[in-house]
Amino acid sequence: MNSTELSSIPLLLWIVIAFILICQGSWLFWDARKRGHNAWLWGFLGLIQFPTYLIIYLIFIRKILKRKISGADS
């Protein structure tokens, strides 16, 4: 590997990380808005860190609240 190849590796890594964070933030924003939650908050949190807020959203917002709502109807 020469110095040109080594210097392009971090740039490619930053591009991949940015792509993952933008996709995650967008999906969290759209899904939270569709389900009536605070879309801007979840979209912003999705842009900050991967995958912590995605896991929190999937466990607490999509699963637990869904069970509480469906359990209240019975």
C-alpha atoms as a PDB file:
ATOM      1  CA  MET A   1       0.000   0.000   0.000  1.00  0.00           C
ATOM      2  CA  ASN A   2       1.294   3.408  -0.823  1.00  0.00           C
ATOM      3  CA  SER A   3       0.465   6.625   1.017  1.00  0.00           C
ATOM      4  CA  THR A   4      -2.389   7.488  -1.366  1.00  0.00           C
ATOM      5  CA  GLU A   5      -4.239   4.265  -0.565  1.00  0.00           C
ATOM      6  CA  LEU A   6      -3.744   4.709   3.177  1.00  0.00           C
ATOM      7  CA  SER A   7      -5.054   8.258   3.151  1.00  0.00           C
ATOM      8  CA  SER A   8      -8.223   7.263   1.278  1.00  0.00           C
ATOM      9  CA  ILE A   9      -9.239   4.600   3.810  1.00  0.00           C
ATOM     10  CA  PRO A  10     -10.360   7.046   6.544  1.00  0.00           C
ATOM     11  CA  LEU A  11     -12.329   9.096   4.003  1.00  0.00           C
ATOM     12  CA  LEU A  12     -14.162   5.992   2.824  1.00  0.00           C
ATOM     13  CA  LEU A  13     -14.837   5.016   6.421  1.00  0.00           C
ATOM     14  CA  TRP A  14     -16.292   8.474   7.176  1.00  0.00           C
ATOM     15  CA  ILE A  15     -18.519   8.225   4.100  1.00  0.00           C
ATOM     16  CA  VAL A  16     -19.837   4.816   5.186  1.00  0.00           C
ATOM     17  CA  ILE A  17     -20.457   6.043   8.740  1.00  0.00           C
ATOM     18  CA  ALA A  18     -22.265   9.151   7.466  1.00  0.00           C
ATOM     19  CA  PHE A  19     -24.414   7.017   5.148  1.00  0.00           C
ATOM     20  CA  ILE A  20     -25.381   4.644   7.985  1.00  0.00           C
ATOM     21  CA  LEU A  21     -26.258   7.518  10.340  1.00  0.00           C
ATOM     22  CA  ILE A  22     -28.318   9.364   7.723  1.00  0.00           C
ATOM     23  CA  CYS A  23     -30.244   6.197   6.840  1.00  0.00           C
ATOM     24  CA  GLN A  24     -30.868   5.406  10.493  1.00  0.00           C
ATOM     25  CA  GLY A  25     -31.958   8.957  11.341  1.00  0.00           C
ATOM     26  CA  SER A  26     -34.266   9.112   8.328  1.00  0.00           C
ATOM     27  CA  TRP A  27     -35.888   5.779   9.119  1.00  0.00           C
ATOM     28  CA  LEU A  28     -36.378   6.705  12.784  1.00  0.00           C
ATOM     29  CA  PHE A  29     -37.891  10.049  11.762  1.00  0.00           C
ATOM     30  CA  TRP A  30     -40.347   8.516   9.278  1.00  0.00           C
ATOM     31  CA  ASP A  31     -41.348   5.627  11.525  1.00  0.00           C
ATOM     32  CA  ALA A  32     -41.824   7.820  14.600  1.00  0.00           C
ATOM     33  CA  ARG A  33     -43.904  10.299  12.586  1.00  0.00           C
ATOM     34  CA  LYS A  34     -46.038   7.459  11.200  1.00  0.00           C
ATOM     35  CA  ARG A  35     -46.662   6.111  14.707  1.00  0.00           C
ATOM     36  CA  GLY A  36     -47.393   9.506  16.287  1.00  0.00           C
ATOM     37  CA  HIS A  37     -44.212   9.893  18.343  1.00  0.00           C
ATOM     38  CA  ASN A  38     -41.808  12.816  18.472  1.00  0.00           C
ATOM     39  CA  ALA A  39     -40.294  12.416  14.992  1.00  0.00           C
ATOM     40  CA  TRP A  40     -37.762  15.249  15.230  1.00  0.00           C
ATOM     41  CA  LEU A  41     -36.333  13.907  18.471  1.00  0.00           C
ATOM     42  CA  TRP A  42     -35.907  10.366  17.155  1.00  0.00           C
ATOM     43  CA  GLY A  43     -34.530  11.572  13.842  1.00  0.00           C
ATOM     44  CA  PHE A  44     -31.949  13.734  15.606  1.00  0.00           C
ATOM     45  CA  LEU A  45     -30.993  10.964  18.018  1.00  0.00           C
ATOM     46  CA  GLY A  46     -30.600   8.608  15.071  1.00  0.00           C
ATOM     47  CA  LEU A  47     -28.069  10.986  13.527  1.00  0.00           C
ATOM     48  CA  ILE A  48     -25.942  11.037  16.660  1.00  0.00           C
ATOM     49  CA  GLN A  49     -25.074   7.412  17.344  1.00  0.00           C
ATOM     50  CA  PHE A  50     -25.420   3.983  15.803  1.00  0.00           C
ATOM     51  CA  PRO A  51     -27.061   1.586  16.881  1.00  0.00           C
ATOM     52  CA  THR A  52     -27.899   2.611  20.450  1.00  0.00           C
ATOM     53  CA  TYR A  53     -30.922   4.802  19.726  1.00  0.00           C
ATOM     54  CA  LEU A  54     -32.187   2.404  17.072  1.00  0.00           C
ATOM     55  CA  ILE A  55     -32.200  -0.409  19.626  1.00  0.00           C
ATOM     56  CA  ILE A  56     -33.852   1.804  22.253  1.00  0.00           C
ATOM     57  CA  TYR A  57     -36.521   2.846  19.749  1.00  0.00           C
ATOM     58  CA  LEU A  58     -37.219  -0.715  18.631  1.00  0.00           C
ATOM     59  CA  ILE A  59     -37.427  -2.114  22.167  1.00  0.00           C
ATOM     60  CA  PHE A  60     -39.259   0.628  24.043  1.00  0.00           C
ATOM     61  CA  ILE A  61     -41.300   2.500  21.452  1.00  0.00           C
ATOM     62  CA  ARG A  62     -42.261  -0.187  18.961  1.00  0.00           C
ATOM     63  CA  LYS A  63     -42.649  -3.154  21.343  1.00  0.00           C
ATOM     64  CA  ILE A  64     -43.457  -2.129  24.916  1.00  0.00           C
ATOM     65  CA  LEU A  65     -45.833   0.720  24.072  1.00  0.00           C
ATOM     66  CA  LYS A  66     -47.560  -1.480  21.517  1.00  0.00           C
ATOM     67  CA  ARG A  67     -48.135  -4.157  24.170  1.00  0.00           C
ATOM     68  CA  LYS A  68     -49.479  -1.602  26.678  1.00  0.00           C
ATOM     69  CA  ILE A  69     -51.914  -0.183  24.124  1.00  0.00           C
ATOM     70  CA  SER A  70     -53.138  -3.580  22.941  1.00  0.00           C
ATOM     71  CA  GLY A  71     -53.365  -4.833  26.546  1.00  0.00           C
ATOM     72  CA  ALA A  72     -55.517  -1.865  27.546  1.00  0.00           C
ATOM     73  CA  ASP A  73     -58.055  -2.671  24.845  1.00  0.00           C
ATOM     74  CA  SER A  74     -58.701  -6.178  26.200  1.00  0.00           C
END
